[in-house]
Amino acid sequence: MKKTILTVDDASTMRKVVALALNGAGHDVIEADDGVTALGVLQTRHVDLIITDVNMPRMDGIEFTRQARLLPKFQKTPILLLTTESDPTIKARGRTAGATGWLVKPFQHDQLLAVVAKVLPV
């Protein structure tokens, strides 16, 4: 079933890689280059899933997750953190902020799609 997914990453190449995998699986993808821009997207668009980097300028992914969870229509939307970070402390901060799951870069397309399928509501 086609879903709308917001990808948030300051690296345009990473956004394109994620979008390629998700578009190939039949999803619509909206891109944002940081948490501030992504919050603006959430004010005007419905999304079924958010995939965000952790380390970004202006607003990092953990703060973006925290802010997204304050918006009533995104309190239960799955949010995946996609990052090179593997520090358990940062993972714990992500969970506390409201992240649903965590993917470590680099990743395989099938790994990304498996996690997306697991967290997306049917």
PDB file of N, CA and C in Angstrom:
ATOM      1  N   MET A   1       0.835  -1.177   0.000  1.00  0.00           N
ATOM      2  CA  MET A   1       0.000   0.000   0.000  1.00  0.00           C
ATOM      3  C   MET A   1       0.882   1.244   0.000  1.00  0.00           C
ATOM      4  N   LYS A   2       0.602   2.157  -0.896  1.00  0.00           N
ATOM      5  CA  LYS A   2       1.405   3.369  -1.060  1.00  0.00           C
ATOM      6  C   LYS A   2       1.266   4.280   0.162  1.00  0.00           C
ATOM      7  N   LYS A   3       2.407   4.719   0.691  1.00  0.00           N
ATOM      8  CA  LYS A   3       2.450   5.622   1.841  1.00  0.00           C
ATOM      9  C   LYS A   3       3.280   6.846   1.473  1.00  0.00           C
ATOM     10  N   THR A   4       3.072   7.920   2.223  1.00  0.00           N
ATOM     11  CA  THR A   4       3.866   9.128   2.053  1.00  0.00           C
ATOM     12  C   THR A   4       4.895   9.173   3.174  1.00  0.00           C
ATOM     13  N   ILE A   5       6.159   9.305   2.787  1.00  0.00           N
ATOM     14  CA  ILE A   5       7.264   9.242   3.743  1.00  0.00           C
ATOM     15  C   ILE A   5       8.095  10.515   3.626  1.00  0.00           C
ATOM     16  N   LEU A   6       8.360  11.135   4.766  1.00  0.00           N
ATOM     17  CA  LEU A   6       9.218  12.317   4.835  1.00  0.00           C
ATOM     18  C   LEU A   6      10.619  11.871   5.202  1.00  0.00           C
ATOM     19  N   THR A   7      11.610  12.219   4.361  1.00  0.00           N
ATOM     20  CA  THR A   7      13.006  11.944   4.686  1.00  0.00           C
ATOM     21  C   THR A   7      13.690  13.263   5.008  1.00  0.00           C
ATOM     22  N   VAL A   8      14.425  13.274   6.104  1.00  0.00           N
ATOM     23  CA  VAL A   8      15.074  14.497   6.582  1.00  0.00           C
ATOM     24  C   VAL A   8      16.561  14.214   6.745  1.00  0.00           C
ATOM     25  N   ASP A   9      17.376  14.893   5.959  1.00  0.00           N
ATOM     26  CA  ASP A   9      18.828  14.702   6.031  1.00  0.00           C
ATOM     27  C   ASP A   9      19.491  15.896   5.363  1.00  0.00           C
ATOM     28  N   ASP A  10      20.559  16.403   5.959  1.00  0.00           N
ATOM     29  CA  ASP A  10      21.247  17.549   5.367  1.00  0.00           C
ATOM     30  C   ASP A  10      22.086  17.142   4.164  1.00  0.00           C
ATOM     31  N   ALA A  11      22.318  15.855   3.978  1.00  0.00           N
ATOM     32  CA  ALA A  11      23.086  15.371   2.826  1.00  0.00           C
ATOM     33  C   ALA A  11      22.116  14.998   1.701  1.00  0.00           C
ATOM     34  N   SER A  12      22.149  15.770   0.623  1.00  0.00           N
ATOM     35  CA  SER A  12      21.222  15.520  -0.486  1.00  0.00           C
ATOM     36  C   SER A  12      21.426  14.130  -1.080  1.00  0.00           C
ATOM     37  N   THR A  13      22.660  13.658  -1.099  1.00  0.00           N
ATOM     38  CA  THR A  13      22.932  12.314  -1.629  1.00  0.00           C
ATOM     39  C   THR A  13      22.200  11.254  -0.811  1.00  0.00           C
ATOM     40  N   MET A  14      22.222  11.394   0.513  1.00  0.00           N
ATOM     41  CA  MET A  14      21.543  10.414   1.365  1.00  0.00           C
ATOM     42  C   MET A  14      20.030  10.479   1.161  1.00  0.00           C
ATOM     43  N   ARG A  15      19.491  11.693   1.025  1.00  0.00           N
ATOM     44  CA  ARG A  15      18.047  11.816   0.760  1.00  0.00           C
ATOM     45  C   ARG A  15      17.692  11.102  -0.546  1.00  0.00           C
ATOM     46  N   LYS A  16      18.546  11.259  -1.554  1.00  0.00           N
ATOM     47  CA  LYS A  16      18.289  10.632  -2.859  1.00  0.00           C
ATOM     48  C   LYS A  16      18.359   9.109  -2.764  1.00  0.00           C
ATOM     49  N   VAL A  17      19.324   8.576  -2.011  1.00  0.00           N
ATOM     50  CA  VAL A  17      19.456   7.124  -1.848  1.00  0.00           C
ATOM     51  C   VAL A  17      18.213   6.560  -1.155  1.00  0.00           C
ATOM     52  N   VAL A  18      17.780   7.229  -0.090  1.00  0.00           N
ATOM     53  CA  VAL A  18      16.588   6.780   0.631  1.00  0.00           C
ATOM     54  C   VAL A  18      15.361   6.878  -0.280  1.00  0.00           C
ATOM     55  N   ALA A  19      15.231   8.013  -0.986  1.00  0.00           N
ATOM     56  CA  ALA A  19      14.082   8.206  -1.885  1.00  0.00           C
ATOM     57  C   ALA A  19      14.063   7.151  -2.988  1.00  0.00           C
ATOM     58  N   LEU A  20      15.213   6.808  -3.529  1.00  0.00           N
ATOM     59  CA  LEU A  20      15.287   5.800  -4.581  1.00  0.00           C
ATOM     60  C   LEU A  20      14.728   4.464  -4.093  1.00  0.00           C
ATOM     61  N   ALA A  21      15.145   4.059  -2.905  1.00  0.00           N
ATOM     62  CA  ALA A  21      14.660   2.792  -2.346  1.00  0.00           C
ATOM     63  C   ALA A  21      13.159   2.852  -2.079  1.00  0.00           C
ATOM     64  N   LEU A  22      12.701   3.952  -1.493  1.00  0.00           N
ATOM     65  CA  LEU A  22      11.285   4.060  -1.129  1.00  0.00           C
ATOM     66  C   LEU A  22      10.390   4.225  -2.347  1.00  0.00           C
ATOM     67  N   ASN A  23      10.821   5.038  -3.313  1.00  0.00           N
ATOM     68  CA  ASN A  23      10.040   5.187  -4.546  1.00  0.00           C
ATOM     69  C   ASN A  23       9.954   3.857  -5.277  1.00  0.00           C
ATOM     70  N   GLY A  24      11.051   3.118  -5.280  1.00  0.00           N
ATOM     71  CA  GLY A  24      11.077   1.814  -5.923  1.00  0.00           C
ATOM     72  C   GLY A  24      10.103   0.824  -5.296  1.00  0.00           C
ATOM     73  N   ALA A  25       9.787   1.042  -4.022  1.00  0.00           N
ATOM     74  CA  ALA A  25       8.825   0.186  -3.320  1.00  0.00           C
ATOM     75  C   ALA A  25       7.402   0.724  -3.442  1.00  0.00           C
ATOM     76  N   GLY A  26       7.238   1.816  -4.213  1.00  0.00           N
ATOM     77  CA  GLY A  26       5.908   2.347  -4.468  1.00  0.00           C
ATOM     78  C   GLY A  26       5.440   3.451  -3.550  1.00  0.00           C
ATOM     79  N   HIS A  27       6.329   3.995  -2.739  1.00  0.00           N
ATOM     80  CA  HIS A  27       5.950   5.058  -1.811  1.00  0.00           C
ATOM     81  C   HIS A  27       6.196   6.434  -2.420  1.00  0.00           C
ATOM     82  N   ASP A  28       5.472   7.437  -1.915  1.00  0.00           N
ATOM     83  CA  ASP A  28       5.741   8.834  -2.251  1.00  0.00           C
ATOM     84  C   ASP A  28       6.717   9.371  -1.211  1.00  0.00           C
ATOM     85  N   VAL A  29       7.692  10.152  -1.657  1.00  0.00           N
ATOM     86  CA  VAL A  29       8.711  10.667  -0.744  1.00  0.00           C
ATOM     87  C   VAL A  29       8.737  12.190  -0.811  1.00  0.00           C
ATOM     88  N   ILE A  30       8.757  12.805   0.372  1.00  0.00           N
ATOM     89  CA  ILE A  30       8.947  14.242   0.518  1.00  0.00           C
ATOM     90  C   ILE A  30      10.304  14.409   1.190  1.00  0.00           C
ATOM     91  N   GLU A  31      11.106  15.357   0.724  1.00  0.00           N
ATOM     92  CA  GLU A  31      12.447  15.551   1.287  1.00  0.00           C
ATOM     93  C   GLU A  31      12.548  16.888   1.999  1.00  0.00           C
ATOM     94  N   ALA A  32      13.327  16.898   3.094  1.00  0.00           N
ATOM     95  CA  ALA A  32      13.664  18.125   3.812  1.00  0.00           C
ATOM     96  C   ALA A  32      15.126  18.042   4.217  1.00  0.00           C
ATOM     97  N   ASP A  33      15.809  19.194   4.237  1.00  0.00           N
ATOM     98  CA  ASP A  33      17.251  19.175   4.509  1.00  0.00           C
ATOM     99  C   ASP A  33      17.632  19.420   5.963  1.00  0.00           C
ATOM    100  N   ASP A  34      16.664  19.677   6.835  1.00  0.00           N
ATOM    101  CA  ASP A  34      16.942  19.788   8.269  1.00  0.00           C
ATOM    102  C   ASP A  34      15.628  19.745   9.039  1.00  0.00           C
ATOM    103  N   GLY A  35      15.724  19.720  10.364  1.00  0.00           N
ATOM    104  CA  GLY A  35      14.538  19.619  11.201  1.00  0.00           C
ATOM    105  C   GLY A  35      13.613  20.816  11.108  1.00  0.00           C
ATOM    106  N   VAL A  36      14.163  21.999  10.942  1.00  0.00           N
ATOM    107  CA  VAL A  36      13.334  23.206  10.835  1.00  0.00           C
ATOM    108  C   VAL A  36      12.460  23.119   9.578  1.00  0.00           C
ATOM    109  N   THR A  37      13.069  22.795   8.468  1.00  0.00           N
ATOM    110  CA  THR A  37      12.324  22.652   7.208  1.00  0.00           C
ATOM    111  C   THR A  37      11.295  21.533   7.329  1.00  0.00           C
ATOM    112  N   ALA A  38      11.680  20.436   7.948  1.00  0.00           N
ATOM    113  CA  ALA A  38      10.776  19.295   8.097  1.00  0.00           C
ATOM    114  C   ALA A  38       9.552  19.661   8.943  1.00  0.00           C
ATOM    115  N   LEU A  39       9.740  20.443   9.997  1.00  0.00           N
ATOM    116  CA  LEU A  39       8.588  20.874  10.799  1.00  0.00           C
ATOM    117  C   LEU A  39       7.630  21.703   9.959  1.00  0.00           C
ATOM    118  N   GLY A  40       8.163  22.511   9.063  1.00  0.00           N
ATOM    119  CA  GLY A  40       7.320  23.270   8.140  1.00  0.00           C
ATOM    120  C   GLY A  40       6.512  22.358   7.240  1.00  0.00           C
ATOM    121  N   VAL A  41       7.141  21.284   6.761  1.00  0.00           N
ATOM    122  CA  VAL A  41       6.437  20.305   5.929  1.00  0.00           C
ATOM    123  C   VAL A  41       5.282  19.687   6.721  1.00  0.00           C
ATOM    124  N   LEU A  42       5.532  19.356   7.982  1.00  0.00           N
ATOM    125  CA  LEU A  42       4.501  18.717   8.795  1.00  0.00           C
ATOM    126  C   LEU A  42       3.304  19.629   9.053  1.00  0.00           C
ATOM    127  N   GLN A  43       3.510  20.936   8.939  1.00  0.00           N
ATOM    128  CA  GLN A  43       2.405  21.880   9.128  1.00  0.00           C
ATOM    129  C   GLN A  43       1.426  21.839   7.951  1.00  0.00           C
ATOM    130  N   THR A  44       1.890  21.383   6.790  1.00  0.00           N
ATOM    131  CA  THR A  44       1.055  21.458   5.588  1.00  0.00           C
ATOM    132  C   THR A  44       0.768  20.113   4.927  1.00  0.00           C
ATOM    133  N   ARG A  45       1.463  19.061   5.320  1.00  0.00           N
ATOM    134  CA  ARG A  45       1.329  17.772   4.635  1.00  0.00           C
ATOM    135  C   ARG A  45       1.060  16.647   5.632  1.00  0.00           C
ATOM    136  N   HIS A  46       0.354  15.654   5.164  1.00  0.00           N
ATOM    137  CA  HIS A  46       0.194  14.415   5.923  1.00  0.00           C
ATOM    138  C   HIS A  46       1.331  13.484   5.517  1.00  0.00           C
ATOM    139  N   VAL A  47       1.969  12.864   6.486  1.00  0.00           N
ATOM    140  CA  VAL A  47       2.956  11.830   6.183  1.00  0.00           C
ATOM    141  C   VAL A  47       2.657  10.612   7.055  1.00  0.00           C
ATOM    142  N   ASP A  48       2.969   9.439   6.513  1.00  0.00           N
ATOM    143  CA  ASP A  48       2.724   8.186   7.221  1.00  0.00           C
ATOM    144  C   ASP A  48       3.938   7.706   8.004  1.00  0.00           C
ATOM    145  N   LEU A  49       5.112   8.219   7.633  1.00  0.00           N
ATOM    146  CA  LEU A  49       6.366   7.798   8.257  1.00  0.00           C
ATOM    147  C   LEU A  49       7.378   8.917   8.078  1.00  0.00           C
ATOM    148  N   ILE A  50       8.232   9.085   9.088  1.00  0.00           N
ATOM    149  CA  ILE A  50       9.332  10.058   9.026  1.00  0.00           C
ATOM    150  C   ILE A  50      10.636   9.289   9.220  1.00  0.00           C
ATOM    151  N   ILE A  51      11.595   9.551   8.338  1.00  0.00           N
ATOM    152  CA  ILE A  51      12.943   8.999   8.472  1.00  0.00           C
ATOM    153  C   ILE A  51      13.880  10.195   8.560  1.00  0.00           C
ATOM    154  N   THR A  52      14.577  10.333   9.685  1.00  0.00           N
ATOM    155  CA  THR A  52      15.423  11.504   9.883  1.00  0.00           C
ATOM    156  C   THR A  52      16.835  11.151  10.311  1.00  0.00           C
ATOM    157  N   ASP A  53      17.767  11.924   9.807  1.00  0.00           N
ATOM    158  CA  ASP A  53      19.155  11.867  10.262  1.00  0.00           C
ATOM    159  C   ASP A  53      19.200  12.435  11.675  1.00  0.00           C
ATOM    160  N   VAL A  54      20.238  12.126  12.415  1.00  0.00           N
ATOM    161  CA  VAL A  54      20.404  12.689  13.754  1.00  0.00           C
ATOM    162  C   VAL A  54      21.214  13.985  13.690  1.00  0.00           C
ATOM    163  N   ASN A  55      22.366  13.957  13.032  1.00  0.00           N
ATOM    164  CA  ASN A  55      23.267  15.114  13.024  1.00  0.00           C
ATOM    165  C   ASN A  55      22.988  16.018  11.829  1.00  0.00           C
ATOM    166  N   MET A  56      22.328  17.154  12.109  1.00  0.00           N
ATOM    167  CA  MET A  56      21.999  18.131  11.065  1.00  0.00           C
ATOM    168  C   MET A  56      22.151  19.540  11.640  1.00  0.00           C
ATOM    169  N   PRO A  57      22.398  20.527  10.768  1.00  0.00           N
ATOM    170  CA  PRO A  57      22.459  21.918  11.230  1.00  0.00           C
ATOM    171  C   PRO A  57      21.060  22.436  11.567  1.00  0.00           C
ATOM    172  N   ARG A  58      20.991  23.538  12.217  1.00  0.00           N
ATOM    173  CA  ARG A  58      19.765  24.253  12.612  1.00  0.00           C
ATOM    174  C   ARG A  58      18.928  23.490  13.628  1.00  0.00           C
ATOM    175  N   MET A  59      18.564  22.262  13.350  1.00  0.00           N
ATOM    176  CA  MET A  59      17.833  21.433  14.305  1.00  0.00           C
ATOM    177  C   MET A  59      18.162  19.979  14.021  1.00  0.00           C
ATOM    178  N   ASP A  60      18.723  19.302  15.016  1.00  0.00           N
ATOM    179  CA  ASP A  60      19.105  17.908  14.800  1.00  0.00           C
ATOM    180  C   ASP A  60      17.878  16.994  14.822  1.00  0.00           C
ATOM    181  N   GLY A  61      18.091  15.748  14.459  1.00  0.00           N
ATOM    182  CA  GLY A  61      16.989  14.804  14.348  1.00  0.00           C
ATOM    183  C   GLY A  61      16.315  14.467  15.658  1.00  0.00           C
ATOM    184  N   ILE A  62      17.056  14.488  16.744  1.00  0.00           N
ATOM    185  CA  ILE A  62      16.448  14.189  18.042  1.00  0.00           C
ATOM    186  C   ILE A  62      15.515  15.323  18.459  1.00  0.00           C
ATOM    187  N   GLU A  63      15.954  16.562  18.302  1.00  0.00           N
ATOM    188  CA  GLU A  63      15.072  17.695  18.622  1.00  0.00           C
ATOM    189  C   GLU A  63      13.896  17.748  17.653  1.00  0.00           C
ATOM    190  N   PHE A  64      14.133  17.448  16.390  1.00  0.00           N
ATOM    191  CA  PHE A  64      13.035  17.402  15.424  1.00  0.00           C
ATOM    192  C   PHE A  64      12.006  16.357  15.846  1.00  0.00           C
ATOM    193  N   THR A  65      12.471  15.184  16.261  1.00  0.00           N
ATOM    194  CA  THR A  65      11.567  14.132  16.719  1.00  0.00           C
ATOM    195  C   THR A  65      10.744  14.620  17.903  1.00  0.00           C
ATOM    196  N   ARG A  66      11.399  15.256  18.851  1.00  0.00           N
ATOM    197  CA  ARG A  66      10.712  15.796  20.031  1.00  0.00           C
ATOM    198  C   ARG A  66       9.638  16.805  19.608  1.00  0.00           C
ATOM    199  N   GLN A  67       9.992  17.701  18.692  1.00  0.00           N
ATOM    200  CA  GLN A  67       9.041  18.724  18.227  1.00  0.00           C
ATOM    201  C   GLN A  67       7.895  18.099  17.425  1.00  0.00           C
ATOM    202  N   ALA A  68       8.193  17.103  16.599  1.00  0.00           N
ATOM    203  CA  ALA A  68       7.154  16.437  15.816  1.00  0.00           C
ATOM    204  C   ALA A  68       6.149  15.747  16.734  1.00  0.00           C
ATOM    205  N   ARG A  69       6.630  15.162  17.809  1.00  0.00           N
ATOM    206  CA  ARG A  69       5.751  14.470  18.756  1.00  0.00           C
ATOM    207  C   ARG A  69       4.809  15.437  19.488  1.00  0.00           C
ATOM    208  N   LEU A  70       5.144  16.715  19.516  1.00  0.00           N
ATOM    209  CA  LEU A  70       4.273  17.711  20.133  1.00  0.00           C
ATOM    210  C   LEU A  70       3.085  18.069  19.240  1.00  0.00           C
ATOM    211  N   LEU A  71       3.182  17.754  17.958  1.00  0.00           N
ATOM    212  CA  LEU A  71       2.094  18.031  17.022  1.00  0.00           C
ATOM    213  C   LEU A  71       1.066  16.904  17.125  1.00  0.00           C
ATOM    214  N   PRO A  72      -0.188  17.235  17.462  1.00  0.00           N
ATOM    215  CA  PRO A  72      -1.186  16.183  17.703  1.00  0.00           C
ATOM    216  C   PRO A  72      -1.300  15.139  16.595  1.00  0.00           C
ATOM    217  N   LYS A  73      -1.255  15.531  15.337  1.00  0.00           N
ATOM    218  CA  LYS A  73      -1.452  14.539  14.278  1.00  0.00           C
ATOM    219  C   LYS A  73      -0.220  13.677  14.010  1.00  0.00           C
ATOM    220  N   PHE A  74       0.901  13.964  14.676  1.00  0.00           N
ATOM    221  CA  PHE A  74       2.116  13.158  14.485  1.00  0.00           C
ATOM    222  C   PHE A  74       2.577  12.465  15.769  1.00  0.00           C
ATOM    223  N   GLN A  75       1.710  12.424  16.770  1.00  0.00           N
ATOM    224  CA  GLN A  75       2.090  11.783  18.031  1.00  0.00           C
ATOM    225  C   GLN A  75       2.303  10.281  17.891  1.00  0.00           C
ATOM    226  N   LYS A  76       1.627   9.663  16.933  1.00  0.00           N
ATOM    227  CA  LYS A  76       1.752   8.208  16.756  1.00  0.00           C
ATOM    228  C   LYS A  76       2.400   7.815  15.431  1.00  0.00           C
ATOM    229  N   THR A  77       2.807   8.804  14.640  1.00  0.00           N
ATOM    230  CA  THR A  77       3.465   8.524  13.359  1.00  0.00           C
ATOM    231  C   THR A  77       4.832   7.889  13.623  1.00  0.00           C
ATOM    232  N   PRO A  78       5.148   6.776  12.971  1.00  0.00           N
ATOM    233  CA  PRO A  78       6.466   6.181  13.170  1.00  0.00           C
ATOM    234  C   PRO A  78       7.583   7.142  12.728  1.00  0.00           C
ATOM    235  N   ILE A  79       8.627   7.220  13.541  1.00  0.00           N
ATOM    236  CA  ILE A  79       9.802   8.034  13.235  1.00  0.00           C
ATOM    237  C   ILE A  79      11.031   7.147  13.378  1.00  0.00           C
ATOM    238  N   LEU A  80      11.776   7.023  12.285  1.00  0.00           N
ATOM    239  CA  LEU A  80      13.019   6.257  12.289  1.00  0.00           C
ATOM    240  C   LEU A  80      14.201   7.204  12.241  1.00  0.00           C
ATOM    241  N   LEU A  81      15.173   6.986  13.097  1.00  0.00           N
ATOM    242  CA  LEU A  81      16.416   7.747  13.074  1.00  0.00           C
ATOM    243  C   LEU A  81      17.401   6.973  12.201  1.00  0.00           C
ATOM    244  N   LEU A  82      17.957   7.657  11.221  1.00  0.00           N
ATOM    245  CA  LEU A  82      18.901   7.054  10.271  1.00  0.00           C
ATOM    246  C   LEU A  82      20.211   7.815  10.404  1.00  0.00           C
ATOM    247  N   THR A  83      21.258   7.151  10.919  1.00  0.00           N
ATOM    248  CA  THR A  83      22.466   7.879  11.257  1.00  0.00           C
ATOM    249  C   THR A  83      23.696   6.984  11.300  1.00  0.00           C
ATOM    250  N   THR A  84      24.847   7.611  11.315  1.00  0.00           N
ATOM    251  CA  THR A  84      26.095   6.879  11.504  1.00  0.00           C
ATOM    252  C   THR A  84      26.371   6.645  12.986  1.00  0.00           C
ATOM    253  N   GLU A  85      25.620   7.300  13.855  1.00  0.00           N
ATOM    254  CA  GLU A  85      25.809   7.167  15.302  1.00  0.00           C
ATOM    255  C   GLU A  85      25.395   5.781  15.776  1.00  0.00           C
ATOM    256  N   SER A  86      26.215   5.172  16.613  1.00  0.00           N
ATOM    257  CA  SER A  86      25.835   3.892  17.210  1.00  0.00           C
ATOM    258  C   SER A  86      25.959   3.938  18.735  1.00  0.00           C
ATOM    259  N   ASP A  87      26.208   5.119  19.267  1.00  0.00           N
ATOM    260  CA  ASP A  87      26.368   5.334  20.703  1.00  0.00           C
ATOM    261  C   ASP A  87      25.039   5.042  21.417  1.00  0.00           C
ATOM    262  N   PRO A  88      25.031   4.142  22.397  1.00  0.00           N
ATOM    263  CA  PRO A  88      23.802   3.807  23.123  1.00  0.00           C
ATOM    264  C   PRO A  88      23.167   5.026  23.816  1.00  0.00           C
ATOM    265  N   THR A  89      23.974   5.987  24.231  1.00  0.00           N
ATOM    266  CA  THR A  89      23.447   7.191  24.870  1.00  0.00           C
ATOM    267  C   THR A  89      22.602   7.997  23.887  1.00  0.00           C
ATOM    268  N   ILE A  90      23.084   8.111  22.653  1.00  0.00           N
ATOM    269  CA  ILE A  90      22.338   8.854  21.639  1.00  0.00           C
ATOM    270  C   ILE A  90      21.072   8.081  21.269  1.00  0.00           C
ATOM    271  N   LYS A  91      21.165   6.763  21.188  1.00  0.00           N
ATOM    272  CA  LYS A  91      19.970   5.951  20.927  1.00  0.00           C
ATOM    273  C   LYS A  91      18.934   6.168  22.021  1.00  0.00           C
ATOM    274  N   ALA A  92      19.384   6.206  23.264  1.00  0.00           N
ATOM    275  CA  ALA A  92      18.464   6.420  24.392  1.00  0.00           C
ATOM    276  C   ALA A  92      17.817   7.799  24.301  1.00  0.00           C
ATOM    277  N   ARG A  93      18.595   8.810  23.912  1.00  0.00           N
ATOM    278  CA  ARG A  93      18.019  10.148  23.734  1.00  0.00           C
ATOM    279  C   ARG A  93      16.965  10.143  22.629  1.00  0.00           C
ATOM    280  N   GLY A  94      17.222   9.398  21.574  1.00  0.00           N
ATOM    281  CA  GLY A  94      16.262   9.273  20.483  1.00  0.00           C
ATOM    282  C   GLY A  94      14.968   8.615  20.937  1.00  0.00           C
ATOM    283  N   ARG A  95      15.090   7.538  21.702  1.00  0.00           N
ATOM    284  CA  ARG A  95      13.895   6.859  22.222  1.00  0.00           C
ATOM    285  C   ARG A  95      13.110   7.785  23.146  1.00  0.00           C
ATOM    286  N   THR A  96      13.816   8.499  24.004  1.00  0.00           N
ATOM    287  CA  THR A  96      13.156   9.432  24.922  1.00  0.00           C
ATOM    288  C   THR A  96      12.429  10.527  24.153  1.00  0.00           C
ATOM    289  N   ALA A  97      12.996  10.965  23.034  1.00  0.00           N
ATOM    290  CA  ALA A  97      12.369  12.011  22.214  1.00  0.00           C
ATOM    291  C   ALA A  97      11.137  11.482  21.475  1.00  0.00           C
ATOM    292  N   GLY A  98      11.017  10.152  21.342  1.00  0.00           N
ATOM    293  CA  GLY A  98       9.852   9.578  20.693  1.00  0.00           C
ATOM    294  C   GLY A  98      10.130   8.784  19.433  1.00  0.00           C
ATOM    295  N   ALA A  99      11.404   8.495  19.160  1.00  0.00           N
ATOM    296  CA  ALA A  99      11.729   7.714  17.961  1.00  0.00           C
ATOM    297  C   ALA A  99      11.187   6.291  18.083  1.00  0.00           C
ATOM    298  N   THR A 100      10.709   5.777  16.965  1.00  0.00           N
ATOM    299  CA  THR A 100      10.167   4.429  16.902  1.00  0.00           C
ATOM    300  C   THR A 100      11.273   3.400  16.719  1.00  0.00           C
ATOM    301  N   GLY A 101      12.301   3.772  15.940  1.00  0.00           N
ATOM    302  CA  GLY A 101      13.376   2.840  15.644  1.00  0.00           C
ATOM    303  C   GLY A 101      14.616   3.550  15.163  1.00  0.00           C
ATOM    304  N   TRP A 102      15.616   2.759  14.797  1.00  0.00           N
ATOM    305  CA  TRP A 102      16.954   3.261  14.510  1.00  0.00           C
ATOM    306  C   TRP A 102      17.571   2.439  13.395  1.00  0.00           C
ATOM    307  N   LEU A 103      18.150   3.094  12.404  1.00  0.00           N
ATOM    308  CA  LEU A 103      18.906   2.425  11.342  1.00  0.00           C
ATOM    309  C   LEU A 103      20.283   3.066  11.257  1.00  0.00           C
ATOM    310  N   VAL A 104      21.305   2.246  11.162  1.00  0.00           N
ATOM    311  CA  VAL A 104      22.663   2.770  11.088  1.00  0.00           C
ATOM    312  C   VAL A 104      23.115   2.812   9.631  1.00  0.00           C
ATOM    313  N   LYS A 105      23.689   3.959   9.220  1.00  0.00           N
ATOM    314  CA  LYS A 105      24.282   4.108   7.888  1.00  0.00           C
ATOM    315  C   LYS A 105      25.667   3.475   7.915  1.00  0.00           C
ATOM    316  N   PRO A 106      26.137   2.893   6.860  1.00  0.00           N
ATOM    317  CA  PRO A 106      25.413   2.643   5.616  1.00  0.00           C
ATOM    318  C   PRO A 106      24.437   1.490   5.810  1.00  0.00           C
ATOM    319  N   PHE A 107      23.435   1.421   4.942  1.00  0.00           N
ATOM    320  CA  PHE A 107      22.414   0.395   5.028  1.00  0.00           C
ATOM    321  C   PHE A 107      22.178  -0.171   3.632  1.00  0.00           C
ATOM    322  N   GLN A 108      21.601  -1.341   3.593  1.00  0.00           N
ATOM    323  CA  GLN A 108      21.198  -1.958   2.333  1.00  0.00           C
ATOM    324  C   GLN A 108      19.745  -1.567   2.059  1.00  0.00           C
ATOM    325  N   HIS A 109      19.397  -1.410   0.782  1.00  0.00           N
ATOM    326  CA  HIS A 109      18.014  -1.039   0.433  1.00  0.00           C
ATOM    327  C   HIS A 109      17.009  -2.003   1.046  1.00  0.00           C
ATOM    328  N   ASP A 110      17.292  -3.307   0.972  1.00  0.00           N
ATOM    329  CA  ASP A 110      16.334  -4.285   1.502  1.00  0.00           C
ATOM    330  C   ASP A 110      16.203  -4.169   3.017  1.00  0.00           C
ATOM    331  N   GLN A 111      17.273  -3.783   3.688  1.00  0.00           N
ATOM    332  CA  GLN A 111      17.219  -3.569   5.139  1.00  0.00           C
ATOM    333  C   GLN A 111      16.313  -2.380   5.458  1.00  0.00           C
ATOM    334  N   LEU A 112      16.483  -1.288   4.726  1.00  0.00           N
ATOM    335  CA  LEU A 112      15.633  -0.106   4.916  1.00  0.00           C
ATOM    336  C   LEU A 112      14.170  -0.471   4.669  1.00  0.00           C
ATOM    337  N   LEU A 113      13.900  -1.136   3.573  1.00  0.00           N
ATOM    338  CA  LEU A 113      12.519  -1.478   3.228  1.00  0.00           C
ATOM    339  C   LEU A 113      11.900  -2.430   4.245  1.00  0.00           C
ATOM    340  N   ALA A 114      12.690  -3.337   4.795  1.00  0.00           N
ATOM    341  CA  ALA A 114      12.172  -4.270   5.823  1.00  0.00           C
ATOM    342  C   ALA A 114      11.760  -3.505   7.070  1.00  0.00           C
ATOM    343  N   VAL A 115      12.582  -2.549   7.500  1.00  0.00           N
ATOM    344  CA  VAL A 115      12.251  -1.755   8.690  1.00  0.00           C
ATOM    345  C   VAL A 115      11.037  -0.888   8.426  1.00  0.00           C
ATOM    346  N   VAL A 116      10.991  -0.273   7.246  1.00  0.00           N
ATOM    347  CA  VAL A 116       9.840   0.562   6.874  1.00  0.00           C
ATOM    348  C   VAL A 116       8.559  -0.270   6.898  1.00  0.00           C
ATOM    349  N   ALA A 117       8.600  -1.465   6.321  1.00  0.00           N
ATOM    350  CA  ALA A 117       7.420  -2.341   6.304  1.00  0.00           C
ATOM    351  C   ALA A 117       6.996  -2.734   7.713  1.00  0.00           C
ATOM    352  N   LYS A 118       7.963  -2.885   8.586  1.00  0.00           N
ATOM    353  CA  LYS A 118       7.673  -3.300   9.965  1.00  0.00           C
ATOM    354  C   LYS A 118       6.957  -2.196  10.749  1.00  0.00           C
ATOM    355  N   VAL A 119       7.340  -0.943  10.536  1.00  0.00           N
ATOM    356  CA  VAL A 119       6.788   0.142  11.359  1.00  0.00           C
ATOM    357  C   VAL A 119       5.588   0.854  10.738  1.00  0.00           C
ATOM    358  N   LEU A 120       5.391   0.689   9.424  1.00  0.00           N
ATOM    359  CA  LEU A 120       4.260   1.380   8.777  1.00  0.00           C
ATOM    360  C   LEU A 120       2.956   0.691   9.110  1.00  0.00           C
ATOM    361  N   PRO A 121       1.955   1.478   9.498  1.00  0.00           N
ATOM    362  CA  PRO A 121       0.637   0.876   9.712  1.00  0.00           C
ATOM    363  C   PRO A 121       0.043   0.403   8.399  1.00  0.00           C
ATOM    364  N   VAL A 122      -0.672  -0.683   8.434  1.00  0.00           N
ATOM    365  CA  VAL A 122      -1.282  -1.250   7.219  1.00  0.00           C
ATOM    366  C   VAL A 122      -2.540  -0.493   6.859  1.00  0.00           C
TER     367      VAL A 122
END
